[in-house]
Amino acid sequence: MPPFYEVSRKTVGAFLRAVLRPTVTGIENIPTTGPAIFASNHLSFFDSIVIPIASPRHVAFLAKSEYFTGTGVRGAVNKAFFTGVGAIGVDRDDPRAGQRSLELQLEILRAGGGVGIYPEGTRSRDGLLYRGRTGVGHLVLSSMAPVVPVAISGTENIQPVGSRFIRRARVTISFGPAMYLRDRYAGVPVGKARRQITDEIMTAIQAMSGQELAGRYNERPVAGPV
């Protein structure tokens, strides 16, 4: 666990827990040691903050590379924070960004750590649960890590789309029973196994979150003209 991570949990984390007072269930489902994949629905930037403060163990999430390369005081603060909490920097515009992020996550899993992943790829702006991308299936097949399904609600209200200000919201984080999937798909063609594993994980998340299924992939919004 990065040293700054524990400091953040005791300071910033304690403050956020006091302000948000999140409802957390299923802590007993989180493996206390060894690699673990935390697969969650995705509603807000704050998901990557509330999951770590709710989890008793370190969870490393992906973070866009801009947080590590910014300039000035804000850039220095962002770099120190995201480096300290063990975030994984990824250039989203790199054609190999997806593959590179999986390689970095596998390094952490093979070292016995925990990683967080959003199978939907990007956050849902309409509250629907989108089809999972098979990167999480790749992580399962390439490691011995169990999957802890996570369902979050309420984070989308902390800073609603289009709002510049943060507000207090009722947040719930639920950790489901760990899913040991790799051995069940032994002998299944790799591509098919990735798809079926991903679908099984998304079914578990949906059962916990109660979200309506979109039935399609979610795409990153295209930036409009300035």
C-alpha atoms as a PDB file:
ATOM      1  CA  MET A   1       0.000   0.000   0.000  1.00  0.00           C
ATOM      2  CA  PRO A   2       1.493   3.397  -0.988  1.00  0.00           C
ATOM      3  CA  PRO A   3       2.404   5.378   2.170  1.00  0.00           C
ATOM      4  CA  PHE A   4       0.403   8.414   1.072  1.00  0.00           C
ATOM      5  CA  TYR A   5      -2.650   6.194   0.552  1.00  0.00           C
ATOM      6  CA  GLU A   6      -2.904   5.385   4.246  1.00  0.00           C
ATOM      7  CA  VAL A   7      -2.383   9.056   5.146  1.00  0.00           C
ATOM      8  CA  SER A   8      -5.170  10.025   2.714  1.00  0.00           C
ATOM      9  CA  ARG A   9      -7.520   7.430   4.206  1.00  0.00           C
ATOM     10  CA  LYS A  10      -6.969   8.848   7.700  1.00  0.00           C
ATOM     11  CA  THR A  11      -7.377  12.480   6.657  1.00  0.00           C
ATOM     12  CA  VAL A  12      -9.246  13.103   3.399  1.00  0.00           C
ATOM     13  CA  GLY A  13     -10.981   9.737   3.625  1.00  0.00           C
ATOM     14  CA  ALA A  14     -12.160  10.374   7.173  1.00  0.00           C
ATOM     15  CA  PHE A  15     -13.452  13.814   6.155  1.00  0.00           C
ATOM     16  CA  LEU A  16     -15.369  12.419   3.165  1.00  0.00           C
ATOM     17  CA  ARG A  17     -16.850   9.618   5.232  1.00  0.00           C
ATOM     18  CA  ALA A  18     -18.029  12.191   7.776  1.00  0.00           C
ATOM     19  CA  VAL A  19     -19.547  14.441   5.087  1.00  0.00           C
ATOM     20  CA  LEU A  20     -21.061  11.812   2.784  1.00  0.00           C
ATOM     21  CA  ARG A  21     -21.832   9.250   5.486  1.00  0.00           C
ATOM     22  CA  PRO A  22     -22.043   6.512   2.871  1.00  0.00           C
ATOM     23  CA  THR A  23     -23.927   3.309   3.470  1.00  0.00           C
ATOM     24  CA  VAL A  24     -21.460   0.450   2.971  1.00  0.00           C
ATOM     25  CA  THR A  25     -22.429  -3.215   2.857  1.00  0.00           C
ATOM     26  CA  GLY A  26     -20.581  -6.425   2.093  1.00  0.00           C
ATOM     27  CA  ILE A  27     -17.193  -5.548   3.571  1.00  0.00           C
ATOM     28  CA  GLU A  28     -16.925  -9.170   4.684  1.00  0.00           C
ATOM     29  CA  ASN A  29     -16.931 -10.227   1.009  1.00  0.00           C
ATOM     30  CA  ILE A  30     -13.585  -8.553   0.281  1.00  0.00           C
ATOM     31  CA  PRO A  31     -10.616 -10.975   0.360  1.00  0.00           C
ATOM     32  CA  THR A  32      -8.216  -9.723   3.026  1.00  0.00           C
ATOM     33  CA  THR A  33      -5.087 -10.869   1.178  1.00  0.00           C
ATOM     34  CA  GLY A  34      -4.024 -11.773  -2.331  1.00  0.00           C
ATOM     35  CA  PRO A  35      -5.015 -10.277  -5.673  1.00  0.00           C
ATOM     36  CA  ALA A  36      -8.553  -9.006  -6.177  1.00  0.00           C
ATOM     37  CA  ILE A  37     -10.422  -7.316  -9.022  1.00  0.00           C
ATOM     38  CA  PHE A  38     -13.062  -4.791  -7.929  1.00  0.00           C
ATOM     39  CA  ALA A  39     -15.513  -4.525 -10.867  1.00  0.00           C
ATOM     40  CA  SER A  40     -18.036  -1.718 -10.472  1.00  0.00           C
ATOM     41  CA  ASN A  41     -20.772   0.145 -12.251  1.00  0.00           C
ATOM     42  CA  HIS A  42     -19.719   3.698 -13.084  1.00  0.00           C
ATOM     43  CA  LEU A  43     -21.769   6.831 -12.454  1.00  0.00           C
ATOM     44  CA  SER A  44     -19.279   9.537 -11.516  1.00  0.00           C
ATOM     45  CA  PHE A  45     -15.649  10.586 -11.175  1.00  0.00           C
ATOM     46  CA  PHE A  46     -16.227  10.188  -7.430  1.00  0.00           C
ATOM     47  CA  ASP A  47     -16.653   6.417  -7.788  1.00  0.00           C
ATOM     48  CA  SER A  48     -12.858   6.108  -7.784  1.00  0.00           C
ATOM     49  CA  ILE A  49     -12.800   7.993  -4.485  1.00  0.00           C
ATOM     50  CA  VAL A  50     -15.663   6.409  -2.553  1.00  0.00           C
ATOM     51  CA  ILE A  51     -14.690   2.798  -3.322  1.00  0.00           C
ATOM     52  CA  PRO A  52     -11.184   3.182  -1.828  1.00  0.00           C
ATOM     53  CA  ILE A  53     -12.479   4.983   1.269  1.00  0.00           C
ATOM     54  CA  ALA A  54     -15.065   2.220   1.761  1.00  0.00           C
ATOM     55  CA  SER A  55     -12.681  -0.679   1.144  1.00  0.00           C
ATOM     56  CA  PRO A  56     -10.434  -1.876   3.989  1.00  0.00           C
ATOM     57  CA  ARG A  57      -7.654  -2.592   1.482  1.00  0.00           C
ATOM     58  CA  HIS A  58      -5.915  -0.627  -1.238  1.00  0.00           C
ATOM     59  CA  VAL A  59      -7.677  -0.452  -4.612  1.00  0.00           C
ATOM     60  CA  ALA A  60      -5.694   0.953  -7.550  1.00  0.00           C
ATOM     61  CA  PHE A  61      -7.797   2.655 -10.218  1.00  0.00           C
ATOM     62  CA  LEU A  62      -6.912   3.952 -13.660  1.00  0.00           C
ATOM     63  CA  ALA A  63      -6.550   7.723 -13.986  1.00  0.00           C
ATOM     64  CA  LYS A  64      -6.114   9.799 -17.118  1.00  0.00           C
ATOM     65  CA  SER A  65      -2.501  10.761 -17.779  1.00  0.00           C
ATOM     66  CA  GLU A  66      -3.313  14.488 -17.583  1.00  0.00           C
ATOM     67  CA  TYR A  67      -3.467  14.126 -13.808  1.00  0.00           C
ATOM     68  CA  PHE A  68       0.235  13.202 -13.810  1.00  0.00           C
ATOM     69  CA  THR A  69       1.515  15.741 -16.356  1.00  0.00           C
ATOM     70  CA  GLY A  70      -0.258  18.984 -15.438  1.00  0.00           C
ATOM     71  CA  THR A  71       1.693  22.147 -14.702  1.00  0.00           C
ATOM     72  CA  GLY A  72       1.520  24.787 -12.002  1.00  0.00           C
ATOM     73  CA  VAL A  73       0.281  24.357  -8.463  1.00  0.00           C
ATOM     74  CA  ARG A  74      -2.820  22.408  -9.480  1.00  0.00           C
ATOM     75  CA  GLY A  75      -0.766  20.083 -11.651  1.00  0.00           C
ATOM     76  CA  ALA A  76       1.668  19.429  -8.817  1.00  0.00           C
ATOM     77  CA  VAL A  77      -1.150  18.707  -6.369  1.00  0.00           C
ATOM     78  CA  ASN A  78      -2.864  16.329  -8.794  1.00  0.00           C
ATOM     79  CA  LYS A  79       0.377  14.500  -9.537  1.00  0.00           C
ATOM     80  CA  ALA A  80       1.250  14.120  -5.849  1.00  0.00           C
ATOM     81  CA  PHE A  81      -2.238  12.899  -4.967  1.00  0.00           C
ATOM     82  CA  PHE A  82      -2.729  10.380  -7.771  1.00  0.00           C
ATOM     83  CA  THR A  83       0.826   9.083  -7.465  1.00  0.00           C
ATOM     84  CA  GLY A  84       0.488   8.773  -3.709  1.00  0.00           C
ATOM     85  CA  VAL A  85      -2.730   6.754  -3.850  1.00  0.00           C
ATOM     86  CA  GLY A  86      -1.240   4.367  -6.378  1.00  0.00           C
ATOM     87  CA  ALA A  87      -3.426   5.369  -9.328  1.00  0.00           C
ATOM     88  CA  ILE A  88      -2.524   3.974 -12.758  1.00  0.00           C
ATOM     89  CA  GLY A  89      -1.920   6.705 -15.350  1.00  0.00           C
ATOM     90  CA  VAL A  90      -3.252   6.008 -18.849  1.00  0.00           C
ATOM     91  CA  ASP A  91      -3.226   8.179 -21.975  1.00  0.00           C
ATOM     92  CA  ARG A  92      -6.772   7.699 -23.233  1.00  0.00           C
ATOM     93  CA  ASP A  93      -5.834   8.947 -26.718  1.00  0.00           C
ATOM     94  CA  ASP A  94      -3.068   6.362 -27.149  1.00  0.00           C
ATOM     95  CA  PRO A  95      -4.180   3.606 -29.551  1.00  0.00           C
ATOM     96  CA  ARG A  96      -2.647   1.093 -27.109  1.00  0.00           C
ATOM     97  CA  ALA A  97      -4.171   2.690 -24.007  1.00  0.00           C
ATOM     98  CA  GLY A  98      -6.542  -0.192 -23.377  1.00  0.00           C
ATOM     99  CA  GLN A  99      -3.865  -2.872 -23.698  1.00  0.00           C
ATOM    100  CA  ARG A 100      -1.353  -0.874 -21.686  1.00  0.00           C
ATOM    101  CA  SER A 101      -3.826  -0.353 -18.834  1.00  0.00           C
ATOM    102  CA  LEU A 102      -4.502  -4.099 -18.675  1.00  0.00           C
ATOM    103  CA  GLU A 103      -0.761  -4.812 -18.545  1.00  0.00           C
ATOM    104  CA  LEU A 104      -0.328  -2.389 -15.641  1.00  0.00           C
ATOM    105  CA  GLN A 105      -3.288  -3.856 -13.770  1.00  0.00           C
ATOM    106  CA  LEU A 106      -1.918  -7.370 -14.244  1.00  0.00           C
ATOM    107  CA  GLU A 107       1.397  -6.284 -12.728  1.00  0.00           C
ATOM    108  CA  ILE A 108      -0.450  -5.179  -9.582  1.00  0.00           C
ATOM    109  CA  LEU A 109      -2.533  -8.358  -9.435  1.00  0.00           C
ATOM    110  CA  ARG A 110       0.521 -10.578  -9.826  1.00  0.00           C
ATOM    111  CA  ALA A 111       2.092  -8.715  -6.917  1.00  0.00           C
ATOM    112  CA  GLY A 112      -0.948  -9.555  -4.781  1.00  0.00           C
ATOM    113  CA  GLY A 113      -2.660  -6.168  -4.986  1.00  0.00           C
ATOM    114  CA  GLY A 114      -6.199  -5.010  -5.690  1.00  0.00           C
ATOM    115  CA  VAL A 115      -7.310  -3.149  -8.811  1.00  0.00           C
ATOM    116  CA  GLY A 116     -10.531  -1.361  -9.639  1.00  0.00           C
ATOM    117  CA  ILE A 117     -12.122  -1.534 -13.078  1.00  0.00           C
ATOM    118  CA  TYR A 118     -15.283  -0.217 -14.696  1.00  0.00           C
ATOM    119  CA  PRO A 119     -16.300  -2.772 -17.328  1.00  0.00           C
ATOM    120  CA  GLU A 120     -18.630  -0.192 -18.918  1.00  0.00           C
ATOM    121  CA  GLY A 121     -15.513   1.760 -19.899  1.00  0.00           C
ATOM    122  CA  THR A 122     -16.828   5.240 -19.183  1.00  0.00           C
ATOM    123  CA  ARG A 123     -19.410   6.586 -16.776  1.00  0.00           C
ATOM    124  CA  SER A 124     -23.116   6.266 -17.461  1.00  0.00           C
ATOM    125  CA  ARG A 125     -24.680   9.687 -17.935  1.00  0.00           C
ATOM    126  CA  ASP A 126     -28.261   8.420 -17.993  1.00  0.00           C
ATOM    127  CA  GLY A 127     -28.128   5.925 -15.116  1.00  0.00           C
ATOM    128  CA  LEU A 128     -28.421   2.858 -17.359  1.00  0.00           C
ATOM    129  CA  LEU A 129     -26.043  -0.074 -16.969  1.00  0.00           C
ATOM    130  CA  TYR A 130     -24.148  -0.543 -20.226  1.00  0.00           C
ATOM    131  CA  ARG A 131     -22.680  -3.702 -21.679  1.00  0.00           C
ATOM    132  CA  GLY A 132     -19.325  -4.657 -20.194  1.00  0.00           C
ATOM    133  CA  ARG A 133     -16.162  -4.622 -22.256  1.00  0.00           C
ATOM    134  CA  THR A 134     -14.098  -7.789 -22.085  1.00  0.00           C
ATOM    135  CA  GLY A 135     -10.958  -6.302 -20.495  1.00  0.00           C
ATOM    136  CA  VAL A 136     -12.176  -7.564 -17.130  1.00  0.00           C
ATOM    137  CA  GLY A 137     -12.497 -11.040 -18.630  1.00  0.00           C
ATOM    138  CA  HIS A 138      -8.896 -10.779 -19.787  1.00  0.00           C
ATOM    139  CA  LEU A 139      -7.767  -9.888 -16.251  1.00  0.00           C
ATOM    140  CA  VAL A 140      -9.621 -12.892 -14.840  1.00  0.00           C
ATOM    141  CA  LEU A 141      -8.104 -15.336 -17.325  1.00  0.00           C
ATOM    142  CA  SER A 142      -4.600 -13.876 -16.994  1.00  0.00           C
ATOM    143  CA  SER A 143      -4.498 -13.922 -13.198  1.00  0.00           C
ATOM    144  CA  MET A 144      -5.656 -16.035 -10.284  1.00  0.00           C
ATOM    145  CA  ALA A 145      -7.654 -13.081  -8.922  1.00  0.00           C
ATOM    146  CA  PRO A 146     -11.270 -13.358  -7.805  1.00  0.00           C
ATOM    147  CA  VAL A 147     -13.716 -10.637  -8.821  1.00  0.00           C
ATOM    148  CA  VAL A 148     -15.567  -8.580  -6.211  1.00  0.00           C
ATOM    149  CA  PRO A 149     -18.655  -7.068  -7.898  1.00  0.00           C
ATOM    150  CA  VAL A 150     -19.400  -3.551  -6.666  1.00  0.00           C
ATOM    151  CA  ALA A 151     -22.618  -1.565  -6.980  1.00  0.00           C
ATOM    152  CA  ILE A 152     -22.620   2.177  -6.349  1.00  0.00           C
ATOM    153  CA  SER A 153     -25.512   4.625  -6.212  1.00  0.00           C
ATOM    154  CA  GLY A 154     -25.731   8.324  -5.430  1.00  0.00           C
ATOM    155  CA  THR A 155     -22.287   9.458  -6.593  1.00  0.00           C
ATOM    156  CA  GLU A 156     -23.843  11.012  -9.697  1.00  0.00           C
ATOM    157  CA  ASN A 157     -25.548  13.511  -7.376  1.00  0.00           C
ATOM    158  CA  ILE A 158     -22.325  14.757  -5.751  1.00  0.00           C
ATOM    159  CA  GLN A 159     -21.506  16.771  -8.858  1.00  0.00           C
ATOM    160  CA  PRO A 160     -24.291  16.377 -11.433  1.00  0.00           C
ATOM    161  CA  VAL A 161     -23.441  16.611 -15.129  1.00  0.00           C
ATOM    162  CA  GLY A 162     -22.977  20.275 -16.041  1.00  0.00           C
ATOM    163  CA  SER A 163     -22.569  21.432 -12.434  1.00  0.00           C
ATOM    164  CA  ARG A 164     -19.431  23.223 -11.252  1.00  0.00           C
ATOM    165  CA  PHE A 165     -20.106  22.657  -7.575  1.00  0.00           C
ATOM    166  CA  ILE A 166     -19.934  19.665  -5.274  1.00  0.00           C
ATOM    167  CA  ARG A 167     -22.877  18.896  -3.044  1.00  0.00           C
ATOM    168  CA  ARG A 168     -23.713  16.425  -0.326  1.00  0.00           C
ATOM    169  CA  ALA A 169     -25.504  13.292  -1.536  1.00  0.00           C
ATOM    170  CA  ARG A 170     -26.665   9.971  -0.162  1.00  0.00           C
ATOM    171  CA  VAL A 171     -24.158   7.378  -1.390  1.00  0.00           C
ATOM    172  CA  THR A 172     -24.356   3.599  -1.174  1.00  0.00           C
ATOM    173  CA  ILE A 173     -21.506   1.171  -1.892  1.00  0.00           C
ATOM    174  CA  SER A 174     -22.197  -2.567  -1.902  1.00  0.00           C
ATOM    175  CA  PHE A 175     -19.521  -5.251  -2.224  1.00  0.00           C
ATOM    176  CA  GLY A 176     -20.853  -8.578  -3.465  1.00  0.00           C
ATOM    177  CA  PRO A 177     -19.514 -12.089  -2.801  1.00  0.00           C
ATOM    178  CA  ALA A 178     -16.166 -12.764  -4.484  1.00  0.00           C
ATOM    179  CA  MET A 179     -16.513 -14.583  -7.796  1.00  0.00           C
ATOM    180  CA  TYR A 180     -13.914 -17.245  -8.615  1.00  0.00           C
ATOM    181  CA  LEU A 181     -14.377 -17.605 -12.362  1.00  0.00           C
ATOM    182  CA  ARG A 182     -11.127 -18.637 -14.026  1.00  0.00           C
ATOM    183  CA  ASP A 183     -11.255 -22.393 -13.398  1.00  0.00           C
ATOM    184  CA  ARG A 184     -14.875 -22.610 -14.525  1.00  0.00           C
ATOM    185  CA  TYR A 185     -13.883 -21.517 -18.010  1.00  0.00           C
ATOM    186  CA  ALA A 186     -10.928 -23.854 -18.459  1.00  0.00           C
ATOM    187  CA  GLY A 187     -11.016 -25.273 -21.988  1.00  0.00           C
ATOM    188  CA  VAL A 188     -13.393 -22.612 -23.324  1.00  0.00           C
ATOM    189  CA  PRO A 189     -11.997 -20.642 -26.317  1.00  0.00           C
ATOM    190  CA  VAL A 190     -10.368 -17.463 -25.006  1.00  0.00           C
ATOM    191  CA  GLY A 191     -12.577 -14.965 -26.841  1.00  0.00           C
ATOM    192  CA  LYS A 192     -15.768 -16.740 -25.803  1.00  0.00           C
ATOM    193  CA  ALA A 193     -14.548 -17.112 -22.209  1.00  0.00           C
ATOM    194  CA  ARG A 194     -13.770 -13.378 -21.925  1.00  0.00           C
ATOM    195  CA  ARG A 195     -17.239 -12.497 -23.166  1.00  0.00           C
ATOM    196  CA  GLN A 196     -19.052 -14.945 -20.903  1.00  0.00           C
ATOM    197  CA  ILE A 197     -17.008 -13.970 -17.836  1.00  0.00           C
ATOM    198  CA  THR A 198     -17.701 -10.285 -18.481  1.00  0.00           C
ATOM    199  CA  ASP A 199     -21.428 -10.918 -18.933  1.00  0.00           C
ATOM    200  CA  GLU A 200     -21.532 -12.932 -15.696  1.00  0.00           C
ATOM    201  CA  ILE A 201     -19.862 -10.083 -13.807  1.00  0.00           C
ATOM    202  CA  MET A 202     -22.245  -7.499 -15.277  1.00  0.00           C
ATOM    203  CA  THR A 203     -25.213  -9.685 -14.305  1.00  0.00           C
ATOM    204  CA  ALA A 204     -23.954  -9.714 -10.709  1.00  0.00           C
ATOM    205  CA  ILE A 205     -23.506  -5.924 -10.718  1.00  0.00           C
ATOM    206  CA  GLN A 206     -26.988  -5.391 -12.158  1.00  0.00           C
ATOM    207  CA  ALA A 207     -28.558  -7.665  -9.552  1.00  0.00           C
ATOM    208  CA  MET A 208     -27.001  -5.516  -6.838  1.00  0.00           C
ATOM    209  CA  SER A 209     -27.527  -2.060  -8.389  1.00  0.00           C
ATOM    210  CA  GLY A 210     -31.011  -2.630  -9.821  1.00  0.00           C
ATOM    211  CA  GLN A 211     -30.119  -0.501 -12.858  1.00  0.00           C
ATOM    212  CA  GLU A 212     -31.979  -0.866 -16.130  1.00  0.00           C
ATOM    213  CA  LEU A 213     -29.836  -2.479 -18.812  1.00  0.00           C
ATOM    214  CA  ALA A 214     -28.915  -0.326 -21.811  1.00  0.00           C
ATOM    215  CA  GLY A 215     -28.252  -3.352 -24.016  1.00  0.00           C
ATOM    216  CA  ARG A 216     -25.353  -1.646 -25.790  1.00  0.00           C
ATOM    217  CA  TYR A 217     -21.845  -0.325 -25.197  1.00  0.00           C
ATOM    218  CA  ASN A 218     -21.293   3.115 -23.704  1.00  0.00           C
ATOM    219  CA  GLU A 219     -19.100   5.494 -25.692  1.00  0.00           C
ATOM    220  CA  ARG A 220     -17.040   8.471 -24.551  1.00  0.00           C
ATOM    221  CA  PRO A 221     -18.786  11.757 -25.381  1.00  0.00           C
ATOM    222  CA  VAL A 222     -17.318  13.549 -28.371  1.00  0.00           C
ATOM    223  CA  ALA A 223     -15.950  16.956 -27.381  1.00  0.00           C
ATOM    224  CA  GLY A 224     -17.840  19.771 -29.075  1.00  0.00           C
ATOM    225  CA  PRO A 225     -16.345  22.993 -30.491  1.00  0.00           C
ATOM    226  CA  VAL A 226     -14.938  25.438 -27.981  1.00  0.00           C
END
